[in-house]
Structure formats: C-alpha cells, structure tokens
Amino acid sequence: MKLSALIIGLILGTLSWAVVPLVSDNFEPFDSGIGFLIGQIAMSAGALYFAYSKGIKNIVLYMLGIYAGQNIYAYIFGTSGTRLWAGLLLLTSIALCVFPLIAAIFGKSINVLSNRTKKYNK
C-alpha cells in the first residue's frame, strides 16, 4: 500500500494545481480562493484517509507525494517565470501542505482514540 500512497499523493498534489486554471484566471493556488479551497479539500481528504486507515509510513509517503506533485506540475506547466522561481516554490509550497498535515494529524488521532475505546469496551 505504501507505493499507492505516494502515487495518490502525486496525483492529488498535481490536481491541486491543475484545478486552479479551470475555476479561475490564475495558475497558482495562492492566487485563487476557490482553486486553493478545492485543492486543499482534495489533499486533506486523502491525508485524512491515509492517516485514519493506514500506517505512519503511508502518511509520510502521501505527504511527500502531494508536495512533489505540486512542484512537478508547477515546473512543467508553469511559465518561464514560474520555472525561474522554482527554488522559491520549493519553500512556499510547504504552506500548501499545512491543511493536509492537520487533516492527517486529526485522522490519526481519531484512529488512536477509536482503537483505545474499542480496547477498553471489550
């Protein structure tokens, strides 16, 4: 399952950028409220799923996947100006991983609490 976590992360990270021009006149999620929201919801849903139902290694691979997917998409499909700022994007795109990370922490917390409740209710 670990490889699929990485691949799904790559896909959702890429889609978080690819959706922006479809719903706005912008390229970057930072510049589009609705594009940003759609991408964050998609990536957070994946993070919640992997955190709740899979192990820590899957969560880490998923998070690396969304980060890589965002940066790869921006570099390949961006303008020459976007490519010029690719180094800076490696830092700023970390901000786009905050909500998915919060969702992962929430999902893992619910999983742990659920397992403890099941254990004590036996």
PDB file of N, CA and C in Angstrom:
ATOM      1  N   MET A   1       0.827  -1.200   0.000  1.00  0.00           N
ATOM      2  CA  MET A   1       0.000   0.000   0.000  1.00  0.00           C
ATOM      3  C   MET A   1       0.863   1.253   0.000  1.00  0.00           C
ATOM      4  N   LYS A   2       2.117   1.150   0.404  1.00  0.00           N
ATOM      5  CA  LYS A   2       2.962   2.337   0.516  1.00  0.00           C
ATOM      6  C   LYS A   2       3.161   3.036  -0.820  1.00  0.00           C
ATOM      7  N   LEU A   3       3.379   2.272  -1.893  1.00  0.00           N
ATOM      8  CA  LEU A   3       3.577   2.881  -3.198  1.00  0.00           C
ATOM      9  C   LEU A   3       2.314   3.608  -3.657  1.00  0.00           C
ATOM     10  N   SER A   4       1.159   3.041  -3.371  1.00  0.00           N
ATOM     11  CA  SER A   4      -0.082   3.701  -3.776  1.00  0.00           C
ATOM     12  C   SER A   4      -0.284   5.008  -3.017  1.00  0.00           C
ATOM     13  N   ALA A   5       0.176   5.091  -1.783  1.00  0.00           N
ATOM     14  CA  ALA A   5       0.074   6.348  -1.029  1.00  0.00           C
ATOM     15  C   ALA A   5       0.883   7.436  -1.722  1.00  0.00           C
ATOM     16  N   LEU A   6       2.072   7.100  -2.163  1.00  0.00           N
ATOM     17  CA  LEU A   6       2.911   8.057  -2.871  1.00  0.00           C
ATOM     18  C   LEU A   6       2.269   8.475  -4.186  1.00  0.00           C
ATOM     19  N   ILE A   7       1.751   7.512  -4.936  1.00  0.00           N
ATOM     20  CA  ILE A   7       1.142   7.801  -6.238  1.00  0.00           C
ATOM     21  C   ILE A   7      -0.115   8.643  -6.076  1.00  0.00           C
ATOM     22  N   ILE A   8      -0.957   8.286  -5.125  1.00  0.00           N
ATOM     23  CA  ILE A   8      -2.167   9.081  -4.881  1.00  0.00           C
ATOM     24  C   ILE A   8      -1.791  10.490  -4.437  1.00  0.00           C
ATOM     25  N   GLY A   9      -0.764  10.606  -3.609  1.00  0.00           N
ATOM     26  CA  GLY A   9      -0.282  11.927  -3.213  1.00  0.00           C
ATOM     27  C   GLY A   9       0.200  12.736  -4.408  1.00  0.00           C
ATOM     28  N   LEU A  10       0.958  12.098  -5.296  1.00  0.00           N
ATOM     29  CA  LEU A  10       1.417  12.779  -6.512  1.00  0.00           C
ATOM     30  C   LEU A  10       0.231  13.267  -7.342  1.00  0.00           C
ATOM     31  N   ILE A  11      -0.757  12.418  -7.500  1.00  0.00           N
ATOM     32  CA  ILE A  11      -1.933  12.773  -8.304  1.00  0.00           C
ATOM     33  C   ILE A  11      -2.695  13.929  -7.665  1.00  0.00           C
ATOM     34  N   LEU A  12      -2.974  13.837  -6.371  1.00  0.00           N
ATOM     35  CA  LEU A  12      -3.744  14.894  -5.723  1.00  0.00           C
ATOM     36  C   LEU A  12      -2.959  16.201  -5.606  1.00  0.00           C
ATOM     37  N   GLY A  13      -1.651  16.103  -5.413  1.00  0.00           N
ATOM     38  CA  GLY A  13      -0.825  17.311  -5.401  1.00  0.00           C
ATOM     39  C   GLY A  13      -0.850  17.998  -6.751  1.00  0.00           C
ATOM     40  N   THR A  14      -0.763  17.210  -7.810  1.00  0.00           N
ATOM     41  CA  THR A  14      -0.838  17.749  -9.160  1.00  0.00           C
ATOM     42  C   THR A  14      -2.209  18.359  -9.420  1.00  0.00           C
ATOM     43  N   LEU A  15      -3.256  17.633  -9.058  1.00  0.00           N
ATOM     44  CA  LEU A  15      -4.617  18.135  -9.277  1.00  0.00           C
ATOM     45  C   LEU A  15      -4.899  19.415  -8.497  1.00  0.00           C
ATOM     46  N   SER A  16      -4.249  19.575  -7.350  1.00  0.00           N
ATOM     47  CA  SER A  16      -4.477  20.792  -6.556  1.00  0.00           C
ATOM     48  C   SER A  16      -4.033  22.042  -7.307  1.00  0.00           C
ATOM     49  N   TRP A  17      -3.086  21.875  -8.226  1.00  0.00           N
ATOM     50  CA  TRP A  17      -2.660  22.997  -9.079  1.00  0.00           C
ATOM     51  C   TRP A  17      -3.433  22.998 -10.390  1.00  0.00           C
ATOM     52  N   ALA A  18      -3.690  21.826 -10.954  1.00  0.00           N
ATOM     53  CA  ALA A  18      -4.339  21.736 -12.264  1.00  0.00           C
ATOM     54  C   ALA A  18      -5.763  22.278 -12.235  1.00  0.00           C
ATOM     55  N   VAL A  19      -6.421  22.223 -11.094  1.00  0.00           N
ATOM     56  CA  VAL A  19      -7.802  22.686 -10.997  1.00  0.00           C
ATOM     57  C   VAL A  19      -7.885  24.220 -11.018  1.00  0.00           C
ATOM     58  N   VAL A  20      -6.839  24.893 -10.621  1.00  0.00           N
ATOM     59  CA  VAL A  20      -6.883  26.352 -10.486  1.00  0.00           C
ATOM     60  C   VAL A  20      -7.246  27.057 -11.787  1.00  0.00           C
ATOM     61  N   PRO A  21      -6.570  26.769 -12.916  1.00  0.00           N
ATOM     62  CA  PRO A  21      -6.951  27.461 -14.153  1.00  0.00           C
ATOM     63  C   PRO A  21      -8.354  27.093 -14.648  1.00  0.00           C
ATOM     64  N   LEU A  22      -8.878  25.963 -14.179  1.00  0.00           N
ATOM     65  CA  LEU A  22     -10.223  25.558 -14.588  1.00  0.00           C
ATOM     66  C   LEU A  22     -11.311  26.362 -13.886  1.00  0.00           C
ATOM     67  N   VAL A  23     -11.004  26.886 -12.696  1.00  0.00           N
ATOM     68  CA  VAL A  23     -12.018  27.603 -11.918  1.00  0.00           C
ATOM     69  C   VAL A  23     -11.705  29.091 -11.766  1.00  0.00           C
ATOM     70  N   SER A  24     -10.570  29.531 -12.307  1.00  0.00           N
ATOM     71  CA  SER A  24     -10.207  30.947 -12.198  1.00  0.00           C
ATOM     72  C   SER A  24      -9.290  31.329 -13.358  1.00  0.00           C
ATOM     73  N   ASP A  25      -8.885  32.562 -13.379  1.00  0.00           N
ATOM     74  CA  ASP A  25      -7.963  33.053 -14.405  1.00  0.00           C
ATOM     75  C   ASP A  25      -6.517  32.981 -13.936  1.00  0.00           C
ATOM     76  N   ASN A  26      -6.259  32.256 -12.881  1.00  0.00           N
ATOM     77  CA  ASN A  26      -4.922  32.180 -12.295  1.00  0.00           C
ATOM     78  C   ASN A  26      -4.296  30.820 -12.527  1.00  0.00           C
ATOM     79  N   PHE A  27      -2.996  30.737 -12.269  1.00  0.00           N
ATOM     80  CA  PHE A  27      -2.268  29.481 -12.395  1.00  0.00           C
ATOM     81  C   PHE A  27      -1.965  28.877 -11.030  1.00  0.00           C
ATOM     82  N   GLU A  28      -1.695  29.735 -10.055  1.00  0.00           N
ATOM     83  CA  GLU A  28      -1.254  29.259  -8.741  1.00  0.00           C
ATOM     84  C   GLU A  28      -2.406  29.228  -7.737  1.00  0.00           C
ATOM     85  N   PRO A  29      -2.435  28.206  -6.879  1.00  0.00           N
ATOM     86  CA  PRO A  29      -3.460  28.150  -5.830  1.00  0.00           C
ATOM     87  C   PRO A  29      -3.404  29.352  -4.888  1.00  0.00           C
ATOM     88  N   PHE A  30      -2.221  29.933  -4.739  1.00  0.00           N
ATOM     89  CA  PHE A  30      -2.076  31.099  -3.855  1.00  0.00           C
ATOM     90  C   PHE A  30      -2.916  32.275  -4.338  1.00  0.00           C
ATOM     91  N   ASP A  31      -3.216  32.311  -5.639  1.00  0.00           N
ATOM     92  CA  ASP A  31      -3.914  33.451  -6.237  1.00  0.00           C
ATOM     93  C   ASP A  31      -5.391  33.204  -6.497  1.00  0.00           C
ATOM     94  N   SER A  32      -5.895  32.041  -6.162  1.00  0.00           N
ATOM     95  CA  SER A  32      -7.277  31.687  -6.463  1.00  0.00           C
ATOM     96  C   SER A  32      -7.947  31.113  -5.224  1.00  0.00           C
ATOM     97  N   GLY A  33      -8.900  31.834  -4.693  1.00  0.00           N
ATOM     98  CA  GLY A  33      -9.592  31.360  -3.493  1.00  0.00           C
ATOM     99  C   GLY A  33     -10.269  30.020  -3.704  1.00  0.00           C
ATOM    100  N   ILE A  34     -11.084  29.909  -4.762  1.00  0.00           N
ATOM    101  CA  ILE A  34     -11.816  28.661  -4.988  1.00  0.00           C
ATOM    102  C   ILE A  34     -10.865  27.545  -5.413  1.00  0.00           C
ATOM    103  N   GLY A  35      -9.879  27.867  -6.228  1.00  0.00           N
ATOM    104  CA  GLY A  35      -8.890  26.865  -6.624  1.00  0.00           C
ATOM    105  C   GLY A  35      -8.103  26.359  -5.431  1.00  0.00           C
ATOM    106  N   PHE A  36      -7.710  27.271  -4.568  1.00  0.00           N
ATOM    107  CA  PHE A  36      -6.999  26.901  -3.340  1.00  0.00           C
ATOM    108  C   PHE A  36      -7.863  25.973  -2.491  1.00  0.00           C
ATOM    109  N   LEU A  37      -9.124  26.344  -2.312  1.00  0.00           N
ATOM    110  CA  LEU A  37     -10.033  25.569  -1.474  1.00  0.00           C
ATOM    111  C   LEU A  37     -10.258  24.162  -2.022  1.00  0.00           C
ATOM    112  N   ILE A  38     -10.487  24.050  -3.318  1.00  0.00           N
ATOM    113  CA  ILE A  38     -10.703  22.731  -3.927  1.00  0.00           C
ATOM    114  C   ILE A  38      -9.472  21.846  -3.741  1.00  0.00           C
ATOM    115  N   GLY A  39      -8.296  22.402  -4.002  1.00  0.00           N
ATOM    116  CA  GLY A  39      -7.061  21.633  -3.838  1.00  0.00           C
ATOM    117  C   GLY A  39      -6.825  21.209  -2.401  1.00  0.00           C
ATOM    118  N   GLN A  40      -7.079  22.115  -1.467  1.00  0.00           N
ATOM    119  CA  GLN A  40      -6.871  21.794  -0.060  1.00  0.00           C
ATOM    120  C   GLN A  40      -7.839  20.717   0.423  1.00  0.00           C
ATOM    121  N   ILE A  41      -9.080  20.794  -0.039  1.00  0.00           N
ATOM    122  CA  ILE A  41     -10.062  19.779   0.359  1.00  0.00           C
ATOM    123  C   ILE A  41      -9.660  18.411  -0.192  1.00  0.00           C
ATOM    124  N   ALA A  42      -9.255  18.363  -1.453  1.00  0.00           N
ATOM    125  CA  ALA A  42      -8.862  17.080  -2.059  1.00  0.00           C
ATOM    126  C   ALA A  42      -7.649  16.491  -1.347  1.00  0.00           C
ATOM    127  N   MET A  43      -6.619  17.311  -1.135  1.00  0.00           N
ATOM    128  CA  MET A  43      -5.407  16.795  -0.479  1.00  0.00           C
ATOM    129  C   MET A  43      -5.673  16.432   0.975  1.00  0.00           C
ATOM    130  N   SER A  44      -6.508  17.203   1.652  1.00  0.00           N
ATOM    131  CA  SER A  44      -6.825  16.916   3.057  1.00  0.00           C
ATOM    132  C   SER A  44      -7.652  15.642   3.188  1.00  0.00           C
ATOM    133  N   ALA A  45      -8.552  15.416   2.242  1.00  0.00           N
ATOM    134  CA  ALA A  45      -9.346  14.177   2.270  1.00  0.00           C
ATOM    135  C   ALA A  45      -8.434  12.959   2.130  1.00  0.00           C
ATOM    136  N   GLY A  46      -7.477  13.030   1.235  1.00  0.00           N
ATOM    137  CA  GLY A  46      -6.518  11.936   1.091  1.00  0.00           C
ATOM    138  C   GLY A  46      -5.696  11.741   2.348  1.00  0.00           C
ATOM    139  N   ALA A  47      -5.260  12.844   2.932  1.00  0.00           N
ATOM    140  CA  ALA A  47      -4.464  12.768   4.164  1.00  0.00           C
ATOM    141  C   ALA A  47      -5.277  12.147   5.292  1.00  0.00           C
ATOM    142  N   LEU A  48      -6.522  12.552   5.395  1.00  0.00           N
ATOM    143  CA  LEU A  48      -7.405  12.007   6.434  1.00  0.00           C
ATOM    144  C   LEU A  48      -7.578  10.501   6.242  1.00  0.00           C
ATOM    145  N   TYR A  49      -7.795  10.077   5.010  1.00  0.00           N
ATOM    146  CA  TYR A  49      -7.960   8.656   4.712  1.00  0.00           C
ATOM    147  C   TYR A  49      -6.715   7.859   5.103  1.00  0.00           C
ATOM    148  N   PHE A  50      -5.556   8.283   4.620  1.00  0.00           N
ATOM    149  CA  PHE A  50      -4.330   7.525   4.903  1.00  0.00           C
ATOM    150  C   PHE A  50      -4.000   7.544   6.395  1.00  0.00           C
ATOM    151  N   ALA A  51      -4.239   8.650   7.054  1.00  0.00           N
ATOM    152  CA  ALA A  51      -3.924   8.738   8.482  1.00  0.00           C
ATOM    153  C   ALA A  51      -4.859   7.869   9.311  1.00  0.00           C
ATOM    154  N   TYR A  52      -6.122   7.815   8.926  1.00  0.00           N
ATOM    155  CA  TYR A  52      -7.081   7.044   9.706  1.00  0.00           C
ATOM    156  C   TYR A  52      -6.939   5.544   9.460  1.00  0.00           C
ATOM    157  N   SER A  53      -6.686   5.163   8.204  1.00  0.00           N
ATOM    158  CA  SER A  53      -6.766   3.748   7.887  1.00  0.00           C
ATOM    159  C   SER A  53      -5.431   3.057   7.600  1.00  0.00           C
ATOM    160  N   LYS A  54      -4.363   3.809   7.468  1.00  0.00           N
ATOM    161  CA  LYS A  54      -3.071   3.216   7.120  1.00  0.00           C
ATOM    162  C   LYS A  54      -2.023   3.622   8.141  1.00  0.00           C
ATOM    163  N   GLY A  55      -0.827   3.099   7.975  1.00  0.00           N
ATOM    164  CA  GLY A  55       0.247   3.370   8.914  1.00  0.00           C
ATOM    165  C   GLY A  55       0.971   4.689   8.664  1.00  0.00           C
ATOM    166  N   ILE A  56       1.869   5.005   9.570  1.00  0.00           N
ATOM    167  CA  ILE A  56       2.630   6.249   9.519  1.00  0.00           C
ATOM    168  C   ILE A  56       3.455   6.347   8.236  1.00  0.00           C
ATOM    169  N   LYS A  57       4.039   5.249   7.783  1.00  0.00           N
ATOM    170  CA  LYS A  57       4.842   5.287   6.561  1.00  0.00           C
ATOM    171  C   LYS A  57       3.997   5.731   5.366  1.00  0.00           C
ATOM    172  N   ASN A  58       2.752   5.278   5.315  1.00  0.00           N
ATOM    173  CA  ASN A  58       1.853   5.690   4.242  1.00  0.00           C
ATOM    174  C   ASN A  58       1.553   7.180   4.307  1.00  0.00           C
ATOM    175  N   ILE A  59       1.389   7.693   5.500  1.00  0.00           N
ATOM    176  CA  ILE A  59       1.110   9.117   5.652  1.00  0.00           C
ATOM    177  C   ILE A  59       2.303   9.941   5.168  1.00  0.00           C
ATOM    178  N   VAL A  60       3.488   9.530   5.576  1.00  0.00           N
ATOM    179  CA  VAL A  60       4.705  10.252   5.163  1.00  0.00           C
ATOM    180  C   VAL A  60       4.847  10.219   3.649  1.00  0.00           C
ATOM    181  N   LEU A  61       4.659   9.058   3.047  1.00  0.00           N
ATOM    182  CA  LEU A  61       4.765   8.948   1.590  1.00  0.00           C
ATOM    183  C   LEU A  61       3.689   9.759   0.887  1.00  0.00           C
ATOM    184  N   TYR A  62       2.486   9.760   1.431  1.00  0.00           N
ATOM    185  CA  TYR A  62       1.409  10.567   0.856  1.00  0.00           C
ATOM    186  C   TYR A  62       1.772  12.050   0.899  1.00  0.00           C
ATOM    187  N   MET A  63       2.265  12.520   2.041  1.00  0.00           N
ATOM    188  CA  MET A  63       2.624  13.934   2.175  1.00  0.00           C
ATOM    189  C   MET A  63       3.769  14.299   1.229  1.00  0.00           C
ATOM    190  N   LEU A  64       4.752  13.425   1.097  1.00  0.00           N
ATOM    191  CA  LEU A  64       5.835  13.665   0.133  1.00  0.00           C
ATOM    192  C   LEU A  64       5.281  13.694  -1.289  1.00  0.00           C
ATOM    193  N   GLY A  65       4.313  12.841  -1.556  1.00  0.00           N
ATOM    194  CA  GLY A  65       3.696  12.800  -2.877  1.00  0.00           C
ATOM    195  C   GLY A  65       2.967  14.082  -3.227  1.00  0.00           C
ATOM    196  N   ILE A  66       2.173  14.615  -2.286  1.00  0.00           N
ATOM    197  CA  ILE A  66       1.455  15.854  -2.612  1.00  0.00           C
ATOM    198  C   ILE A  66       2.436  17.009  -2.800  1.00  0.00           C
ATOM    199  N   TYR A  67       3.467  17.040  -1.990  1.00  0.00           N
ATOM    200  CA  TYR A  67       4.490  18.085  -2.128  1.00  0.00           C
ATOM    201  C   TYR A  67       5.185  17.982  -3.485  1.00  0.00           C
ATOM    202  N   ALA A  68       5.592  16.787  -3.858  1.00  0.00           N
ATOM    203  CA  ALA A  68       6.274  16.593  -5.137  1.00  0.00           C
ATOM    204  C   ALA A  68       5.329  16.875  -6.303  1.00  0.00           C
ATOM    205  N   GLY A  69       4.098  16.420  -6.214  1.00  0.00           N
ATOM    206  CA  GLY A  69       3.126  16.643  -7.283  1.00  0.00           C
ATOM    207  C   GLY A  69       2.886  18.113  -7.549  1.00  0.00           C
ATOM    208  N   GLN A  70       2.787  18.899  -6.496  1.00  0.00           N
ATOM    209  CA  GLN A  70       2.586  20.342  -6.648  1.00  0.00           C
ATOM    210  C   GLN A  70       3.759  20.975  -7.388  1.00  0.00           C
ATOM    211  N   ASN A  71       4.942  20.643  -6.965  1.00  0.00           N
ATOM    212  CA  ASN A  71       6.139  21.264  -7.532  1.00  0.00           C
ATOM    213  C   ASN A  71       6.430  20.781  -8.953  1.00  0.00           C
ATOM    214  N   ILE A  72       6.209  19.523  -9.210  1.00  0.00           N
ATOM    215  CA  ILE A  72       6.420  18.992 -10.557  1.00  0.00           C
ATOM    216  C   ILE A  72       5.450  19.646 -11.536  1.00  0.00           C
ATOM    217  N   TYR A  73       4.176  19.721 -11.158  1.00  0.00           N
ATOM    218  CA  TYR A  73       3.179  20.342 -12.030  1.00  0.00           C
ATOM    219  C   TYR A  73       3.530  21.801 -12.313  1.00  0.00           C
ATOM    220  N   ALA A  74       3.858  22.538 -11.280  1.00  0.00           N
ATOM    221  CA  ALA A  74       4.180  23.958 -11.459  1.00  0.00           C
ATOM    222  C   ALA A  74       5.396  24.133 -12.363  1.00  0.00           C
ATOM    223  N   TYR A  75       6.373  23.270 -12.230  1.00  0.00           N
ATOM    224  CA  TYR A  75       7.572  23.393 -13.047  1.00  0.00           C
ATOM    225  C   TYR A  75       7.297  23.036 -14.509  1.00  0.00           C
ATOM    226  N   ILE A  76       6.553  21.959 -14.729  1.00  0.00           N
ATOM    227  CA  ILE A  76       6.299  21.504 -16.101  1.00  0.00           C
ATOM    228  C   ILE A  76       5.317  22.420 -16.835  1.00  0.00           C
ATOM    229  N   PHE A  77       4.241  22.797 -16.191  1.00  0.00           N
ATOM    230  CA  PHE A  77       3.189  23.542 -16.866  1.00  0.00           C
ATOM    231  C   PHE A  77       3.237  25.050 -16.619  1.00  0.00           C
ATOM    232  N   GLY A  78       4.124  25.484 -15.777  1.00  0.00           N
ATOM    233  CA  GLY A  78       4.226  26.909 -15.486  1.00  0.00           C
ATOM    234  C   GLY A  78       4.916  27.675 -16.598  1.00  0.00           C
ATOM    235  N   THR A  79       4.885  28.966 -16.459  1.00  0.00           N
ATOM    236  CA  THR A  79       5.555  29.834 -17.419  1.00  0.00           C
ATOM    237  C   THR A  79       7.052  29.815 -17.157  1.00  0.00           C
ATOM    238  N   SER A  80       7.798  30.479 -18.000  1.00  0.00           N
ATOM    239  CA  SER A  80       9.234  30.579 -17.770  1.00  0.00           C
ATOM    240  C   SER A  80       9.506  31.314 -16.459  1.00  0.00           C
ATOM    241  N   GLY A  81       8.625  32.255 -16.119  1.00  0.00           N
ATOM    242  CA  GLY A  81       8.751  32.947 -14.832  1.00  0.00           C
ATOM    243  C   GLY A  81       8.542  32.010 -13.657  1.00  0.00           C
ATOM    244  N   THR A  82       7.600  31.088 -13.810  1.00  0.00           N
ATOM    245  CA  THR A  82       7.358  30.101 -12.751  1.00  0.00           C
ATOM    246  C   THR A  82       8.589  29.221 -12.565  1.00  0.00           C
ATOM    247  N   ARG A  83       9.174  28.789 -13.676  1.00  0.00           N
ATOM    248  CA  ARG A  83      10.381  27.958 -13.601  1.00  0.00           C
ATOM    249  C   ARG A  83      11.546  28.725 -12.991  1.00  0.00           C
ATOM    250  N   LEU A  84      11.595  30.027 -13.270  1.00  0.00           N
ATOM    251  CA  LEU A  84      12.649  30.863 -12.711  1.00  0.00           C
ATOM    252  C   LEU A  84      12.560  30.892 -11.181  1.00  0.00           C
ATOM    253  N   TRP A  85      11.350  30.860 -10.666  1.00  0.00           N
ATOM    254  CA  TRP A  85      11.127  30.902  -9.219  1.00  0.00           C
ATOM    255  C   TRP A  85      10.953  29.518  -8.608  1.00  0.00           C
ATOM    256  N   ALA A  86      11.321  28.470  -9.322  1.00  0.00           N
ATOM    257  CA  ALA A  86      11.112  27.088  -8.852  1.00  0.00           C
ATOM    258  C   ALA A  86      11.760  26.827  -7.497  1.00  0.00           C
ATOM    259  N   GLY A  87      12.931  27.380  -7.272  1.00  0.00           N
ATOM    260  CA  GLY A  87      13.594  27.193  -5.973  1.00  0.00           C
ATOM    261  C   GLY A  87      12.789  27.767  -4.832  1.00  0.00           C
ATOM    262  N   LEU A  88      12.226  28.953  -5.044  1.00  0.00           N
ATOM    263  CA  LEU A  88      11.389  29.574  -4.018  1.00  0.00           C
ATOM    264  C   LEU A  88      10.099  28.779  -3.817  1.00  0.00           C
ATOM    265  N   LEU A  89       9.569  28.246  -4.934  1.00  0.00           N
ATOM    266  CA  LEU A  89       8.342  27.446  -4.831  1.00  0.00           C
ATOM    267  C   LEU A  89       8.548  26.225  -3.955  1.00  0.00           C
ATOM    268  N   LEU A  90       9.750  25.654  -3.977  1.00  0.00           N
ATOM    269  CA  LEU A  90      10.026  24.502  -3.110  1.00  0.00           C
ATOM    270  C   LEU A  90       9.800  24.845  -1.644  1.00  0.00           C
ATOM    271  N   LEU A  91      10.019  26.096  -1.287  1.00  0.00           N
ATOM    272  CA  LEU A  91       9.772  26.536   0.090  1.00  0.00           C
ATOM    273  C   LEU A  91       8.324  26.960   0.295  1.00  0.00           C
ATOM    274  N   THR A  92       7.788  27.768  -0.620  1.00  0.00           N
ATOM    275  CA  THR A  92       6.435  28.295  -0.409  1.00  0.00           C
ATOM    276  C   THR A  92       5.358  27.224  -0.535  1.00  0.00           C
ATOM    277  N   SER A  93       5.616  26.188  -1.332  1.00  0.00           N
ATOM    278  CA  SER A  93       4.600  25.142  -1.483  1.00  0.00           C
ATOM    279  C   SER A  93       4.441  24.305  -0.213  1.00  0.00           C
ATOM    280  N   ILE A  94       5.361  24.433   0.701  1.00  0.00           N
ATOM    281  CA  ILE A  94       5.192  23.764   2.004  1.00  0.00           C
ATOM    282  C   ILE A  94       3.930  24.285   2.688  1.00  0.00           C
ATOM    283  N   ALA A  95       3.630  25.574   2.468  1.00  0.00           N
ATOM    284  CA  ALA A  95       2.422  26.154   3.055  1.00  0.00           C
ATOM    285  C   ALA A  95       1.165  25.453   2.544  1.00  0.00           C
ATOM    286  N   LEU A  96       1.212  24.937   1.329  1.00  0.00           N
ATOM    287  CA  LEU A  96       0.054  24.229   0.768  1.00  0.00           C
ATOM    288  C   LEU A  96      -0.119  22.832   1.372  1.00  0.00           C
ATOM    289  N   CYS A  97       0.821  22.409   2.168  1.00  0.00           N
ATOM    290  CA  CYS A  97       0.749  21.093   2.814  1.00  0.00           C
ATOM    291  C   CYS A  97       0.268  21.180   4.265  1.00  0.00           C
ATOM    292  N   VAL A  98       0.023  22.391   4.755  1.00  0.00           N
ATOM    293  CA  VAL A  98      -0.350  22.564   6.160  1.00  0.00           C
ATOM    294  C   VAL A  98      -1.721  21.966   6.462  1.00  0.00           C
ATOM    295  N   PHE A  99      -2.736  22.303   5.673  1.00  0.00           N
ATOM    296  CA  PHE A  99      -4.074  21.763   5.943  1.00  0.00           C
ATOM    297  C   PHE A  99      -4.112  20.244   5.788  1.00  0.00           C
ATOM    298  N   PRO A 100      -3.481  19.679   4.749  1.00  0.00           N
ATOM    299  CA  PRO A 100      -3.430  18.211   4.697  1.00  0.00           C
ATOM    300  C   PRO A 100      -2.712  17.602   5.904  1.00  0.00           C
ATOM    301  N   LEU A 101      -1.666  18.252   6.392  1.00  0.00           N
ATOM    302  CA  LEU A 101      -0.970  17.745   7.578  1.00  0.00           C
ATOM    303  C   LEU A 101      -1.882  17.793   8.801  1.00  0.00           C
ATOM    304  N   ILE A 102      -2.635  18.863   8.950  1.00  0.00           N
ATOM    305  CA  ILE A 102      -3.593  18.964  10.057  1.00  0.00           C
ATOM    306  C   ILE A 102      -4.646  17.867   9.932  1.00  0.00           C
ATOM    307  N   ALA A 103      -5.121  17.628   8.704  1.00  0.00           N
ATOM    308  CA  ALA A 103      -6.098  16.551   8.483  1.00  0.00           C
ATOM    309  C   ALA A 103      -5.503  15.194   8.834  1.00  0.00           C
ATOM    310  N   ALA A 104      -4.224  14.985   8.507  1.00  0.00           N
ATOM    311  CA  ALA A 104      -3.560  13.718   8.834  1.00  0.00           C
ATOM    312  C   ALA A 104      -3.444  13.545  10.348  1.00  0.00           C
ATOM    313  N   ILE A 105      -3.089  14.591  11.034  1.00  0.00           N
ATOM    314  CA  ILE A 105      -2.987  14.521  12.500  1.00  0.00           C
ATOM    315  C   ILE A 105      -4.357  14.228  13.103  1.00  0.00           C
ATOM    316  N   PHE A 106      -5.376  14.885  12.587  1.00  0.00           N
ATOM    317  CA  PHE A 106      -6.737  14.652  13.057  1.00  0.00           C
ATOM    318  C   PHE A 106      -7.154  13.204  12.795  1.00  0.00           C
ATOM    319  N   GLY A 107      -6.901  12.707  11.586  1.00  0.00           N
ATOM    320  CA  GLY A 107      -7.266  11.333  11.237  1.00  0.00           C
ATOM    321  C   GLY A 107      -6.558  10.309  12.096  1.00  0.00           C
ATOM    322  N   LYS A 108      -5.280  10.522  12.335  1.00  0.00           N
ATOM    323  CA  LYS A 108      -4.523   9.581  13.174  1.00  0.00           C
ATOM    324  C   LYS A 108      -5.015   9.637  14.620  1.00  0.00           C
ATOM    325  N   SER A 109      -5.355  10.822  15.085  1.00  0.00           N
ATOM    326  CA  SER A 109      -5.878  10.974  16.451  1.00  0.00           C
ATOM    327  C   SER A 109      -7.202  10.233  16.609  1.00  0.00           C
ATOM    328  N   ILE A 110      -8.077  10.369  15.638  1.00  0.00           N
ATOM    329  CA  ILE A 110      -9.365   9.667  15.679  1.00  0.00           C
ATOM    330  C   ILE A 110      -9.139   8.158  15.656  1.00  0.00           C
ATOM    331  N   ASN A 111      -8.198   7.712  14.847  1.00  0.00           N
ATOM    332  CA  ASN A 111      -7.875   6.287  14.782  1.00  0.00           C
ATOM    333  C   ASN A 111      -7.393   5.771  16.127  1.00  0.00           C
ATOM    334  N   VAL A 112      -6.470   6.485  16.748  1.00  0.00           N
ATOM    335  CA  VAL A 112      -5.917   6.062  18.044  1.00  0.00           C
ATOM    336  C   VAL A 112      -7.011   6.047  19.105  1.00  0.00           C
ATOM    337  N   LEU A 113      -7.819   7.107  19.158  1.00  0.00           N
ATOM    338  CA  LEU A 113      -8.898   7.167  20.147  1.00  0.00           C
ATOM    339  C   LEU A 113      -9.931   6.071  19.913  1.00  0.00           C
ATOM    340  N   SER A 114     -10.234   5.797  18.678  1.00  0.00           N
ATOM    341  CA  SER A 114     -11.190   4.745  18.343  1.00  0.00           C
ATOM    342  C   SER A 114     -10.672   3.381  18.780  1.00  0.00           C
ATOM    343  N   ASN A 115      -9.398   3.123  18.521  1.00  0.00           N
ATOM    344  CA  ASN A 115      -8.813   1.840  18.931  1.00  0.00           C
ATOM    345  C   ASN A 115      -8.760   1.700  20.444  1.00  0.00           C
ATOM    346  N   ARG A 116      -8.460   2.785  21.131  1.00  0.00           N
ATOM    347  CA  ARG A 116      -8.437   2.723  22.596  1.00  0.00           C
ATOM    348  C   ARG A 116      -9.826   2.480  23.156  1.00  0.00           C
ATOM    349  N   THR A 117     -10.829   3.121  22.561  1.00  0.00           N
ATOM    350  CA  THR A 117     -12.191   2.944  23.021  1.00  0.00           C
ATOM    351  C   THR A 117     -12.633   1.497  22.810  1.00  0.00           C
ATOM    352  N   LYS A 118     -12.314   0.929  21.659  1.00  0.00           N
ATOM    353  CA  LYS A 118     -12.649  -0.462  21.381  1.00  0.00           C
ATOM    354  C   LYS A 118     -11.966  -1.399  22.375  1.00  0.00           C
ATOM    355  N   LYS A 119     -10.714  -1.086  22.695  1.00  0.00           N
ATOM    356  CA  LYS A 119      -9.928  -1.924  23.596  1.00  0.00           C
ATOM    357  C   LYS A 119     -10.542  -1.923  24.994  1.00  0.00           C
ATOM    358  N   TYR A 120     -10.968  -0.758  25.486  1.00  0.00           N
ATOM    359  CA  TYR A 120     -11.496  -0.657  26.841  1.00  0.00           C
ATOM    360  C   TYR A 120     -12.955  -1.075  26.942  1.00  0.00           C
ATOM    361  N   ASN A 121     -13.641  -1.148  25.828  1.00  0.00           N
ATOM    362  CA  ASN A 121     -15.052  -1.543  25.867  1.00  0.00           C
ATOM    363  C   ASN A 121     -15.239  -3.052  25.703  1.00  0.00           C
ATOM    364  N   LYS A 122     -14.153  -3.791  25.610  1.00  0.00           N
ATOM    365  CA  LYS A 122     -14.268  -5.261  25.472  1.00  0.00           C
ATOM    366  C   LYS A 122     -14.493  -5.905  26.800  1.00  0.00           C
TER     367      LYS A 122
END
